[in-house]
């Protein structure tokens, strides 16, 4: 009986870890996308200013 309970607990921990890891990956990916978006936007703004001069 005891091993079954502990294995269930381990499975739950693994599931939680996987969910947390997935969430972390999604959030860091989202942050990276935002950073590249703003960097591109800034670069575009700088290029436009140089073209106007």
Protein backbone atom coordinates (compact mmCIF):
# COMPACT_ATOMS: atom_id res chain seq x y z
CA UNK A 1 0.00 0.00 0.00
CA UNK A 2 2.69 2.52 0.96
CA UNK A 3 4.65 2.42 -2.36
CA UNK A 4 1.44 3.18 -4.29
CA UNK A 5 0.81 6.33 -2.25
CA UNK A 6 4.40 7.54 -2.62
CA UNK A 7 4.39 6.86 -6.38
CA UNK A 8 1.13 8.80 -6.70
CA UNK A 9 2.72 11.66 -4.80
CA UNK A 10 5.79 11.54 -7.05
CA UNK A 11 3.57 11.61 -10.14
CA UNK A 12 1.75 14.66 -8.81
CA UNK A 13 5.07 16.40 -8.14
CA UNK A 14 6.27 15.58 -11.66
CA UNK A 15 3.02 16.94 -13.13
CA UNK A 16 3.37 20.16 -11.14
CA UNK A 17 7.01 20.46 -12.20
CA UNK A 18 6.11 19.96 -15.86
CA UNK A 19 3.33 22.56 -15.62
CA UNK A 20 5.65 25.03 -13.89
CA UNK A 21 8.40 24.40 -16.43
CA UNK A 22 5.97 24.85 -19.34
CA UNK A 23 4.66 28.08 -17.84
CA UNK A 24 8.21 29.32 -17.30
CA UNK A 25 9.16 28.48 -20.89
CA UNK A 26 6.06 30.22 -22.24
CA UNK A 27 6.70 33.32 -20.14
CA UNK A 28 10.39 33.59 -21.04
CA UNK A 29 9.54 33.02 -24.70
CA UNK A 30 6.90 35.74 -24.49
CA UNK A 31 9.39 38.11 -22.85
CA UNK A 32 11.98 37.35 -25.54
CA UNK A 33 9.41 38.06 -28.27
CA UNK A 34 8.52 41.38 -26.63
CA UNK A 35 12.20 42.32 -26.40
CA UNK A 36 12.86 41.56 -30.08
CA UNK A 37 9.67 43.41 -31.03
CA UNK A 38 10.73 46.56 -29.17
CA UNK A 39 14.32 46.34 -30.40
CA UNK A 40 13.07 46.09 -34.01
CA UNK A 41 10.70 48.99 -33.40
CA UNK A 42 13.53 51.09 -31.93
CA UNK A 43 15.86 50.23 -34.82
CA UNK A 44 13.14 51.12 -37.31
CA UNK A 45 12.60 54.47 -35.55
CA UNK A 46 16.33 55.21 -35.65
CA UNK A 47 16.53 54.31 -39.36
CA UNK A 48 13.56 56.56 -40.16
CA UNK A 49 15.20 59.48 -38.31
CA UNK A 50 18.45 58.96 -40.24
CA UNK A 51 16.55 58.84 -43.54
CA UNK A 52 14.75 62.11 -42.82
CA UNK A 53 18.00 64.01 -42.14
